[in-house]
Amino acid sequence: MRKGFDSLSGIVTSQMQFNPLSNDIYIFINRRRTQLKLLQWEGDGFAVYYKRLEQGTYEMPAAPTDQCSVSISSKQLKNIFQGITMRRSYQRKRYQHVA
């Protein structure tokens, strides 16, 4: 969790194979799952949000072991922040219009 703007954007580029200048938010969680950093390009520069829990842990999204990254929705990110477990929480099926 010592990495700054340049190192985090380098990880996004080299290890994740994504463009850090997109509007996506990249989440980094430490091994103990007590700290996280969010990296986002805001058009004129990077923004980093850093949070350390005093008690408890963050839940990692389920991902295959061969992947170094996983995509989640903004709702799932909000659940991670609030400490809501994703194993018991699920989205009921809804209609979605495909253009």
PDB file of N, CA and C in Angstrom:
ATOM      1  N   MET A   1       0.813  -1.199   0.000  1.00  0.00           N
ATOM      2  CA  MET A   1       0.000   0.000   0.000  1.00  0.00           C
ATOM      3  C   MET A   1       0.859   1.267   0.000  1.00  0.00           C
ATOM      4  N   ARG A   2       2.095   1.129  -0.371  1.00  0.00           N
ATOM      5  CA  ARG A   2       3.001   2.285  -0.410  1.00  0.00           C
ATOM      6  C   ARG A   2       3.048   2.939  -1.781  1.00  0.00           C
ATOM      7  N   LYS A   3       2.385   2.368  -2.738  1.00  0.00           N
ATOM      8  CA  LYS A   3       2.466   2.877  -4.106  1.00  0.00           C
ATOM      9  C   LYS A   3       1.625   4.137  -4.281  1.00  0.00           C
ATOM     10  N   GLY A   4       2.137   5.030  -5.136  1.00  0.00           N
ATOM     11  CA  GLY A   4       1.459   6.281  -5.420  1.00  0.00           C
ATOM     12  C   GLY A   4       0.813   6.271  -6.799  1.00  0.00           C
ATOM     13  N   PHE A   5       0.528   7.450  -7.286  1.00  0.00           N
ATOM     14  CA  PHE A   5      -0.171   7.624  -8.561  1.00  0.00           C
ATOM     15  C   PHE A   5       0.523   6.896  -9.715  1.00  0.00           C
ATOM     16  N   ASP A   6       1.805   7.165  -9.904  1.00  0.00           N
ATOM     17  CA  ASP A   6       2.535   6.616 -11.045  1.00  0.00           C
ATOM     18  C   ASP A   6       2.676   5.103 -10.965  1.00  0.00           C
ATOM     19  N   SER A   7       2.985   4.575  -9.790  1.00  0.00           N
ATOM     20  CA  SER A   7       3.144   3.127  -9.634  1.00  0.00           C
ATOM     21  C   SER A   7       1.825   2.397  -9.852  1.00  0.00           C
ATOM     22  N   LEU A   8       0.738   2.939  -9.305  1.00  0.00           N
ATOM     23  CA  LEU A   8      -0.567   2.306  -9.484  1.00  0.00           C
ATOM     24  C   LEU A   8      -1.002   2.327 -10.948  1.00  0.00           C
ATOM     25  N   SER A   9      -0.797   3.449 -11.622  1.00  0.00           N
ATOM     26  CA  SER A   9      -1.163   3.505 -13.044  1.00  0.00           C
ATOM     27  C   SER A   9      -0.268   2.585 -13.863  1.00  0.00           C
ATOM     28  N   GLY A  10       0.969   2.381 -13.437  1.00  0.00           N
ATOM     29  CA  GLY A  10       1.858   1.426 -14.094  1.00  0.00           C
ATOM     30  C   GLY A  10       1.373   0.004 -13.942  1.00  0.00           C
ATOM     31  N   ILE A  11       0.846  -0.347 -12.778  1.00  0.00           N
ATOM     32  CA  ILE A  11       0.280  -1.678 -12.557  1.00  0.00           C
ATOM     33  C   ILE A  11      -0.937  -1.889 -13.450  1.00  0.00           C
ATOM     34  N   VAL A  12      -1.777  -0.870 -13.555  1.00  0.00           N
ATOM     35  CA  VAL A  12      -2.966  -0.966 -14.414  1.00  0.00           C
ATOM     36  C   VAL A  12      -2.546  -1.239 -15.855  1.00  0.00           C
ATOM     37  N   THR A  13      -1.517  -0.559 -16.318  1.00  0.00           N
ATOM     38  CA  THR A  13      -1.057  -0.711 -17.694  1.00  0.00           C
ATOM     39  C   THR A  13      -0.348  -2.046 -17.924  1.00  0.00           C
ATOM     40  N   SER A  14       0.633  -2.360 -17.092  1.00  0.00           N
ATOM     41  CA  SER A  14       1.490  -3.516 -17.353  1.00  0.00           C
ATOM     42  C   SER A  14       0.885  -4.845 -16.920  1.00  0.00           C
ATOM     43  N   GLN A  15       0.280  -4.908 -15.756  1.00  0.00           N
ATOM     44  CA  GLN A  15      -0.217  -6.188 -15.240  1.00  0.00           C
ATOM     45  C   GLN A  15      -1.668  -6.451 -15.612  1.00  0.00           C
ATOM     46  N   MET A  16      -2.494  -5.416 -15.593  1.00  0.00           N
ATOM     47  CA  MET A  16      -3.918  -5.600 -15.886  1.00  0.00           C
ATOM     48  C   MET A  16      -4.247  -5.438 -17.364  1.00  0.00           C
ATOM     49  N   GLN A  17      -3.335  -4.797 -18.108  1.00  0.00           N
ATOM     50  CA  GLN A  17      -3.525  -4.558 -19.536  1.00  0.00           C
ATOM     51  C   GLN A  17      -4.728  -3.653 -19.820  1.00  0.00           C
ATOM     52  N   PHE A  18      -4.945  -2.668 -18.972  1.00  0.00           N
ATOM     53  CA  PHE A  18      -6.012  -1.688 -19.159  1.00  0.00           C
ATOM     54  C   PHE A  18      -5.406  -0.297 -19.337  1.00  0.00           C
ATOM     55  N   ASN A  19      -6.223   0.635 -19.783  1.00  0.00           N
ATOM     56  CA  ASN A  19      -5.799   2.020 -19.954  1.00  0.00           C
ATOM     57  C   ASN A  19      -6.158   2.806 -18.694  1.00  0.00           C
ATOM     58  N   PRO A  20      -5.179   3.257 -17.925  1.00  0.00           N
ATOM     59  CA  PRO A  20      -5.492   3.990 -16.697  1.00  0.00           C
ATOM     60  C   PRO A  20      -6.131   5.348 -16.954  1.00  0.00           C
ATOM     61  N   LEU A  21      -6.092   5.843 -18.207  1.00  0.00           N
ATOM     62  CA  LEU A  21      -6.693   7.137 -18.533  1.00  0.00           C
ATOM     63  C   LEU A  21      -8.169   7.021 -18.908  1.00  0.00           C
ATOM     64  N   SER A  22      -8.743   5.834 -18.768  1.00  0.00           N
ATOM     65  CA  SER A  22     -10.175   5.666 -19.019  1.00  0.00           C
ATOM     66  C   SER A  22     -10.953   6.194 -17.813  1.00  0.00           C
ATOM     67  N   ASN A  23     -12.246   6.149 -17.872  1.00  0.00           N
ATOM     68  CA  ASN A  23     -13.075   6.618 -16.747  1.00  0.00           C
ATOM     69  C   ASN A  23     -13.300   5.545 -15.697  1.00  0.00           C
ATOM     70  N   ASP A  24     -12.632   4.399 -15.833  1.00  0.00           N
ATOM     71  CA  ASP A  24     -12.800   3.306 -14.880  1.00  0.00           C
ATOM     72  C   ASP A  24     -12.116   3.638 -13.554  1.00  0.00           C
ATOM     73  N   ILE A  25     -12.575   2.989 -12.506  1.00  0.00           N
ATOM     74  CA  ILE A  25     -11.959   3.104 -11.186  1.00  0.00           C
ATOM     75  C   ILE A  25     -11.241   1.786 -10.927  1.00  0.00           C
ATOM     76  N   TYR A  26      -9.986   1.867 -10.548  1.00  0.00           N
ATOM     77  CA  TYR A  26      -9.182   0.679 -10.282  1.00  0.00           C
ATOM     78  C   TYR A  26      -9.005   0.551  -8.776  1.00  0.00           C
ATOM     79  N   ILE A  27      -9.298  -0.637  -8.259  1.00  0.00           N
ATOM     80  CA  ILE A  27      -9.300  -0.884  -6.817  1.00  0.00           C
ATOM     81  C   ILE A  27      -8.120  -1.778  -6.463  1.00  0.00           C
ATOM     82  N   PHE A  28      -7.383  -1.396  -5.450  1.00  0.00           N
ATOM     83  CA  PHE A  28      -6.250  -2.174  -4.949  1.00  0.00           C
ATOM     84  C   PHE A  28      -6.503  -2.452  -3.475  1.00  0.00           C
ATOM     85  N   ILE A  29      -6.464  -3.740  -3.078  1.00  0.00           N
ATOM     86  CA  ILE A  29      -6.710  -4.155  -1.694  1.00  0.00           C
ATOM     87  C   ILE A  29      -5.476  -4.896  -1.197  1.00  0.00           C
ATOM     88  N   ASN A  30      -5.040  -4.613   0.032  1.00  0.00           N
ATOM     89  CA  ASN A  30      -3.862  -5.287   0.569  1.00  0.00           C
ATOM     90  C   ASN A  30      -4.172  -6.735   0.941  1.00  0.00           C
ATOM     91  N   ARG A  31      -3.127  -7.512   1.230  1.00  0.00           N
ATOM     92  CA  ARG A  31      -3.291  -8.951   1.518  1.00  0.00           C
ATOM     93  C   ARG A  31      -4.166  -9.204   2.733  1.00  0.00           C
ATOM     94  N   ARG A  32      -4.041  -8.383   3.750  1.00  0.00           N
ATOM     95  CA  ARG A  32      -4.853  -8.578   4.966  1.00  0.00           C
ATOM     96  C   ARG A  32      -6.288  -8.088   4.797  1.00  0.00           C
ATOM     97  N   ARG A  33      -6.560  -7.428   3.666  1.00  0.00           N
ATOM     98  CA  ARG A  33      -7.877  -6.893   3.324  1.00  0.00           C
ATOM     99  C   ARG A  33      -8.369  -5.862   4.333  1.00  0.00           C
ATOM    100  N   THR A  34      -7.449  -5.067   4.853  1.00  0.00           N
ATOM    101  CA  THR A  34      -7.812  -4.009   5.801  1.00  0.00           C
ATOM    102  C   THR A  34      -7.635  -2.615   5.211  1.00  0.00           C
ATOM    103  N   GLN A  35      -7.007  -2.534   4.034  1.00  0.00           N
ATOM    104  CA  GLN A  35      -6.764  -1.242   3.388  1.00  0.00           C
ATOM    105  C   GLN A  35      -7.096  -1.356   1.910  1.00  0.00           C
ATOM    106  N   LEU A  36      -7.583  -0.252   1.360  1.00  0.00           N
ATOM    107  CA  LEU A  36      -7.802  -0.228  -0.081  1.00  0.00           C
ATOM    108  C   LEU A  36      -7.492   1.135  -0.644  1.00  0.00           C
ATOM    109  N   LYS A  37      -7.139   1.132  -1.933  1.00  0.00           N
ATOM    110  CA  LYS A  37      -6.904   2.369  -2.680  1.00  0.00           C
ATOM    111  C   LYS A  37      -7.710   2.300  -3.963  1.00  0.00           C
ATOM    112  N   LEU A  38      -8.296   3.424  -4.316  1.00  0.00           N
ATOM    113  CA  LEU A  38      -9.004   3.562  -5.585  1.00  0.00           C
ATOM    114  C   LEU A  38      -8.229   4.555  -6.428  1.00  0.00           C
ATOM    115  N   LEU A  39      -8.019   4.217  -7.696  1.00  0.00           N
ATOM    116  CA  LEU A  39      -7.325   5.095  -8.626  1.00  0.00           C
ATOM    117  C   LEU A  39      -8.264   5.423  -9.772  1.00  0.00           C
ATOM    118  N   GLN A  40      -8.407   6.714 -10.073  1.00  0.00           N
ATOM    119  CA  GLN A  40      -9.265   7.143 -11.180  1.00  0.00           C
ATOM    120  C   GLN A  40      -8.656   8.350 -11.871  1.00  0.00           C
ATOM    121  N   TRP A  41      -8.708   8.333 -13.198  1.00  0.00           N
ATOM    122  CA  TRP A  41      -8.305   9.480 -14.003  1.00  0.00           C
ATOM    123  C   TRP A  41      -9.496  10.418 -14.076  1.00  0.00           C
ATOM    124  N   GLU A  42      -9.331  11.678 -13.739  1.00  0.00           N
ATOM    125  CA  GLU A  42     -10.428  12.642 -13.722  1.00  0.00           C
ATOM    126  C   GLU A  42     -10.330  13.674 -14.835  1.00  0.00           C
ATOM    127  N   GLY A  43      -9.649  13.343 -15.919  1.00  0.00           N
ATOM    128  CA  GLY A  43      -9.564  14.242 -17.051  1.00  0.00           C
ATOM    129  C   GLY A  43      -8.370  15.160 -17.025  1.00  0.00           C
ATOM    130  N   ASP A  44      -8.018  15.651 -15.849  1.00  0.00           N
ATOM    131  CA  ASP A  44      -6.858  16.546 -15.743  1.00  0.00           C
ATOM    132  C   ASP A  44      -5.796  16.003 -14.802  1.00  0.00           C
ATOM    133  N   GLY A  45      -6.031  14.823 -14.266  1.00  0.00           N
ATOM    134  CA  GLY A  45      -5.056  14.204 -13.363  1.00  0.00           C
ATOM    135  C   GLY A  45      -5.663  13.013 -12.649  1.00  0.00           C
ATOM    136  N   PHE A  46      -4.806  12.258 -11.967  1.00  0.00           N
ATOM    137  CA  PHE A  46      -5.264  11.091 -11.212  1.00  0.00           C
ATOM    138  C   PHE A  46      -5.759  11.503  -9.838  1.00  0.00           C
ATOM    139  N   ALA A  47      -6.748  10.767  -9.355  1.00  0.00           N
ATOM    140  CA  ALA A  47      -7.225  10.918  -7.983  1.00  0.00           C
ATOM    141  C   ALA A  47      -7.064   9.569  -7.291  1.00  0.00           C
ATOM    142  N   VAL A  48      -6.592   9.593  -6.059  1.00  0.00           N
ATOM    143  CA  VAL A  48      -6.450   8.377  -5.263  1.00  0.00           C
ATOM    144  C   VAL A  48      -7.270   8.543  -3.997  1.00  0.00           C
ATOM    145  N   TYR A  49      -8.086   7.532  -3.714  1.00  0.00           N
ATOM    146  CA  TYR A  49      -8.838   7.486  -2.457  1.00  0.00           C
ATOM    147  C   TYR A  49      -8.242   6.340  -1.662  1.00  0.00           C
ATOM    148  N   TYR A  50      -7.907   6.569  -0.402  1.00  0.00           N
ATOM    149  CA  TYR A  50      -7.250   5.570   0.435  1.00  0.00           C
ATOM    150  C   TYR A  50      -8.043   5.428   1.726  1.00  0.00           C
ATOM    151  N   LYS A  51      -8.339   4.168   2.092  1.00  0.00           N
ATOM    152  CA  LYS A  51      -9.086   3.939   3.327  1.00  0.00           C
ATOM    153  C   LYS A  51      -8.483   2.752   4.074  1.00  0.00           C
ATOM    154  N   ARG A  52      -8.312   2.933   5.386  1.00  0.00           N
ATOM    155  CA  ARG A  52      -7.816   1.874   6.254  1.00  0.00           C
ATOM    156  C   ARG A  52      -8.878   1.587   7.309  1.00  0.00           C
ATOM    157  N   LEU A  53      -9.235   0.316   7.438  1.00  0.00           N
ATOM    158  CA  LEU A  53     -10.209  -0.077   8.454  1.00  0.00           C
ATOM    159  C   LEU A  53      -9.523  -0.207   9.807  1.00  0.00           C
ATOM    160  N   GLU A  54     -10.169   0.257  10.839  1.00  0.00           N
ATOM    161  CA  GLU A  54      -9.659   0.088  12.198  1.00  0.00           C
ATOM    162  C   GLU A  54     -10.020  -1.293  12.735  1.00  0.00           C
ATOM    163  N   GLN A  55     -11.094  -1.864  12.203  1.00  0.00           N
ATOM    164  CA  GLN A  55     -11.536  -3.181  12.646  1.00  0.00           C
ATOM    165  C   GLN A  55     -12.248  -3.855  11.488  1.00  0.00           C
ATOM    166  N   GLY A  56     -12.092  -5.162  11.348  1.00  0.00           N
ATOM    167  CA  GLY A  56     -12.761  -5.897  10.287  1.00  0.00           C
ATOM    168  C   GLY A  56     -11.928  -5.934   9.008  1.00  0.00           C
ATOM    169  N   THR A  57     -12.524  -6.516   7.965  1.00  0.00           N
ATOM    170  CA  THR A  57     -11.841  -6.655   6.682  1.00  0.00           C
ATOM    171  C   THR A  57     -12.803  -6.363   5.542  1.00  0.00           C
ATOM    172  N   TYR A  58     -12.229  -6.071   4.375  1.00  0.00           N
ATOM    173  CA  TYR A  58     -13.008  -5.919   3.159  1.00  0.00           C
ATOM    174  C   TYR A  58     -13.190  -7.287   2.529  1.00  0.00           C
ATOM    175  N   GLU A  59     -14.312  -7.505   1.880  1.00  0.00           N
ATOM    176  CA  GLU A  59     -14.532  -8.760   1.171  1.00  0.00           C
ATOM    177  C   GLU A  59     -14.055  -8.613  -0.266  1.00  0.00           C
ATOM    178  N   MET A  60     -13.288  -9.579  -0.705  1.00  0.00           N
ATOM    179  CA  MET A  60     -12.805  -9.584  -2.077  1.00  0.00           C
ATOM    180  C   MET A  60     -13.883 -10.153  -2.992  1.00  0.00           C
ATOM    181  N   PRO A  61     -14.086  -9.562  -4.165  1.00  0.00           N
ATOM    182  CA  PRO A  61     -15.017 -10.136  -5.128  1.00  0.00           C
ATOM    183  C   PRO A  61     -14.496 -11.483  -5.614  1.00  0.00           C
ATOM    184  N   ALA A  62     -15.411 -12.401  -5.897  1.00  0.00           N
ATOM    185  CA  ALA A  62     -15.028 -13.724  -6.388  1.00  0.00           C
ATOM    186  C   ALA A  62     -14.423 -13.590  -7.779  1.00  0.00           C
ATOM    187  N   ALA A  63     -13.282 -14.250  -7.980  1.00  0.00           N
ATOM    188  CA  ALA A  63     -12.598 -14.212  -9.276  1.00  0.00           C
ATOM    189  C   ALA A  63     -11.867 -15.522  -9.490  1.00  0.00           C
ATOM    190  N   PRO A  64     -11.766 -15.980 -10.737  1.00  0.00           N
ATOM    191  CA  PRO A  64     -10.959 -17.168 -11.012  1.00  0.00           C
ATOM    192  C   PRO A  64      -9.507 -16.939 -10.596  1.00  0.00           C
ATOM    193  N   THR A  65      -8.822 -17.990 -10.178  1.00  0.00           N
ATOM    194  CA  THR A  65      -7.464 -17.853  -9.661  1.00  0.00           C
ATOM    195  C   THR A  65      -6.462 -17.427 -10.720  1.00  0.00           C
ATOM    196  N   ASP A  66      -6.761 -17.646 -11.994  1.00  0.00           N
ATOM    197  CA  ASP A  66      -5.810 -17.283 -13.049  1.00  0.00           C
ATOM    198  C   ASP A  66      -5.944 -15.828 -13.498  1.00  0.00           C
ATOM    199  N   GLN A  67      -6.899 -15.087 -12.937  1.00  0.00           N
ATOM    200  CA  GLN A  67      -7.095 -13.681 -13.307  1.00  0.00           C
ATOM    201  C   GLN A  67      -6.494 -12.766 -12.251  1.00  0.00           C
ATOM    202  N   CYS A  68      -5.861 -11.676 -12.716  1.00  0.00           N
ATOM    203  CA  CYS A  68      -5.321 -10.695 -11.763  1.00  0.00           C
ATOM    204  C   CYS A  68      -6.299  -9.551 -11.536  1.00  0.00           C
ATOM    205  N   SER A  69      -7.421  -9.542 -12.283  1.00  0.00           N
ATOM    206  CA  SER A  69      -8.402  -8.474 -12.109  1.00  0.00           C
ATOM    207  C   SER A  69      -9.807  -9.019 -12.324  1.00  0.00           C
ATOM    208  N   VAL A  70     -10.773  -8.288 -11.807  1.00  0.00           N
ATOM    209  CA  VAL A  70     -12.178  -8.640 -11.973  1.00  0.00           C
ATOM    210  C   VAL A  70     -12.977  -7.346 -12.069  1.00  0.00           C
ATOM    211  N   SER A  71     -13.995  -7.326 -12.914  1.00  0.00           N
ATOM    212  CA  SER A  71     -14.853  -6.143 -13.048  1.00  0.00           C
ATOM    213  C   SER A  71     -16.036  -6.273 -12.097  1.00  0.00           C
ATOM    214  N   ILE A  72     -16.347  -5.156 -11.418  1.00  0.00           N
ATOM    215  CA  ILE A  72     -17.504  -5.141 -10.529  1.00  0.00           C
ATOM    216  C   ILE A  72     -18.324  -3.899 -10.833  1.00  0.00           C
ATOM    217  N   SER A  73     -19.577  -3.925 -10.408  1.00  0.00           N
ATOM    218  CA  SER A  73     -20.466  -2.783 -10.614  1.00  0.00           C
ATOM    219  C   SER A  73     -20.271  -1.756  -9.499  1.00  0.00           C
ATOM    220  N   SER A  74     -20.833  -0.578  -9.712  1.00  0.00           N
ATOM    221  CA  SER A  74     -20.753   0.456  -8.678  1.00  0.00           C
ATOM    222  C   SER A  74     -21.508   0.024  -7.424  1.00  0.00           C
ATOM    223  N   LYS A  75     -22.559  -0.751  -7.593  1.00  0.00           N
ATOM    224  CA  LYS A  75     -23.319  -1.265  -6.451  1.00  0.00           C
ATOM    225  C   LYS A  75     -22.462  -2.235  -5.632  1.00  0.00           C
ATOM    226  N   GLN A  76     -21.702  -3.102  -6.318  1.00  0.00           N
ATOM    227  CA  GLN A  76     -20.822  -4.025  -5.613  1.00  0.00           C
ATOM    228  C   GLN A  76     -19.718  -3.268  -4.871  1.00  0.00           C
ATOM    229  N   LEU A  77     -19.192  -2.208  -5.484  1.00  0.00           N
ATOM    230  CA  LEU A  77     -18.175  -1.392  -4.824  1.00  0.00           C
ATOM    231  C   LEU A  77     -18.745  -0.755  -3.559  1.00  0.00           C
ATOM    232  N   LYS A  78     -19.954  -0.255  -3.649  1.00  0.00           N
ATOM    233  CA  LYS A  78     -20.612   0.341  -2.486  1.00  0.00           C
ATOM    234  C   LYS A  78     -20.780  -0.696  -1.376  1.00  0.00           C
ATOM    235  N   ASN A  79     -21.137  -1.929  -1.745  1.00  0.00           N
ATOM    236  CA  ASN A  79     -21.281  -3.002  -0.756  1.00  0.00           C
ATOM    237  C   ASN A  79     -19.954  -3.323  -0.084  1.00  0.00           C
ATOM    238  N   ILE A  80     -18.866  -3.306  -0.847  1.00  0.00           N
ATOM    239  CA  ILE A  80     -17.547  -3.547  -0.266  1.00  0.00           C
ATOM    240  C   ILE A  80     -17.243  -2.481   0.786  1.00  0.00           C
ATOM    241  N   PHE A  81     -17.503  -1.216   0.459  1.00  0.00           N
ATOM    242  CA  PHE A  81     -17.269  -0.122   1.407  1.00  0.00           C
ATOM    243  C   PHE A  81     -18.118  -0.257   2.665  1.00  0.00           C
ATOM    244  N   GLN A  82     -19.355  -0.703   2.514  1.00  0.00           N
ATOM    245  CA  GLN A  82     -20.272  -0.788   3.645  1.00  0.00           C
ATOM    246  C   GLN A  82     -20.130  -2.081   4.434  1.00  0.00           C
ATOM    247  N   GLY A  83     -19.292  -3.011   3.949  1.00  0.00           N
ATOM    248  CA  GLY A  83     -19.086  -4.264   4.668  1.00  0.00           C
ATOM    249  C   GLY A  83     -20.176  -5.286   4.438  1.00  0.00           C
ATOM    250  N   ILE A  84     -20.933  -5.131   3.377  1.00  0.00           N
ATOM    251  CA  ILE A  84     -22.007  -6.082   3.058  1.00  0.00           C
ATOM    252  C   ILE A  84     -21.398  -7.249   2.306  1.00  0.00           C
ATOM    253  N   THR A  85     -21.656  -8.464   2.770  1.00  0.00           N
ATOM    254  CA  THR A  85     -21.105  -9.640   2.119  1.00  0.00           C
ATOM    255  C   THR A  85     -21.802  -9.886   0.787  1.00  0.00           C
ATOM    256  N   MET A  86     -21.038 -10.254  -0.211  1.00  0.00           N
ATOM    257  CA  MET A  86     -21.601 -10.474  -1.538  1.00  0.00           C
ATOM    258  C   MET A  86     -22.074 -11.911  -1.724  1.00  0.00           C
ATOM    259  N   ARG A  87     -21.725 -12.790  -0.796  1.00  0.00           N
ATOM    260  CA  ARG A  87     -22.144 -14.188  -0.923  1.00  0.00           C
ATOM    261  C   ARG A  87     -23.635 -14.351  -0.678  1.00  0.00           C
ATOM    262  N   ARG A  88     -24.192 -13.567   0.203  1.00  0.00           N
ATOM    263  CA  ARG A  88     -25.619 -13.683   0.512  1.00  0.00           C
ATOM    264  C   ARG A  88     -26.457 -12.646  -0.216  1.00  0.00           C
ATOM    265  N   SER A  89     -25.831 -11.615  -0.701  1.00  0.00           N
ATOM    266  CA  SER A  89     -26.530 -10.548  -1.400  1.00  0.00           C
ATOM    267  C   SER A  89     -26.569 -10.861  -2.885  1.00  0.00           C
ATOM    268  N   TYR A  90     -27.735 -10.740  -3.476  1.00  0.00           N
ATOM    269  CA  TYR A  90     -27.836 -11.000  -4.900  1.00  0.00           C
ATOM    270  C   TYR A  90     -28.862 -10.076  -5.526  1.00  0.00           C
ATOM    271  N   GLN A  91     -28.716  -9.865  -6.813  1.00  0.00           N
ATOM    272  CA  GLN A  91     -29.615  -9.005  -7.574  1.00  0.00           C
ATOM    273  C   GLN A  91     -30.684  -9.877  -8.235  1.00  0.00           C
ATOM    274  N   ARG A  92     -31.925  -9.556  -7.997  1.00  0.00           N
ATOM    275  CA  ARG A  92     -33.007 -10.281  -8.667  1.00  0.00           C
ATOM    276  C   ARG A  92     -33.042  -9.906 -10.133  1.00  0.00           C
ATOM    277  N   LYS A  93     -33.500 -10.823 -10.939  1.00  0.00           N
ATOM    278  CA  LYS A  93     -33.542 -10.615 -12.376  1.00  0.00           C
ATOM    279  C   LYS A  93     -34.478  -9.467 -12.724  1.00  0.00           C
ATOM    280  N   ARG A  94     -34.004  -8.586 -13.601  1.00  0.00           N
ATOM    281  CA  ARG A  94     -34.783  -7.451 -14.091  1.00  0.00           C
ATOM    282  C   ARG A  94     -34.623  -7.362 -15.595  1.00  0.00           C
ATOM    283  N   TYR A  95     -35.598  -6.759 -16.227  1.00  0.00           N
ATOM    284  CA  TYR A  95     -35.535  -6.539 -17.679  1.00  0.00           C
ATOM    285  C   TYR A  95     -34.486  -5.498 -17.992  1.00  0.00           C
ATOM    286  N   GLN A  96     -33.681  -5.755 -19.016  1.00  0.00           N
ATOM    287  CA  GLN A  96     -32.717  -4.764 -19.491  1.00  0.00           C
ATOM    288  C   GLN A  96     -32.830  -4.685 -20.998  1.00  0.00           C
ATOM    289  N   HIS A  97     -33.126  -3.506 -21.490  1.00  0.00           N
ATOM    290  CA  HIS A  97     -33.258  -3.280 -22.929  1.00  0.00           C
ATOM    291  C   HIS A  97     -31.863  -3.222 -23.546  1.00  0.00           C
ATOM    292  N   VAL A  98     -31.647  -4.010 -24.580  1.00  0.00           N
ATOM    293  CA  VAL A  98     -30.368  -4.011 -25.288  1.00  0.00           C
ATOM    294  C   VAL A  98     -30.537  -3.234 -26.567  1.00  0.00           C
ATOM    295  N   ALA A  99     -29.741  -2.181 -26.724  1.00  0.00           N
ATOM    296  CA  ALA A  99     -29.866  -1.306 -27.910  1.00  0.00           C
ATOM    297  C   ALA A  99     -29.184  -1.892 -29.114  1.00  0.00           C
TER     298      ALA A  99
END
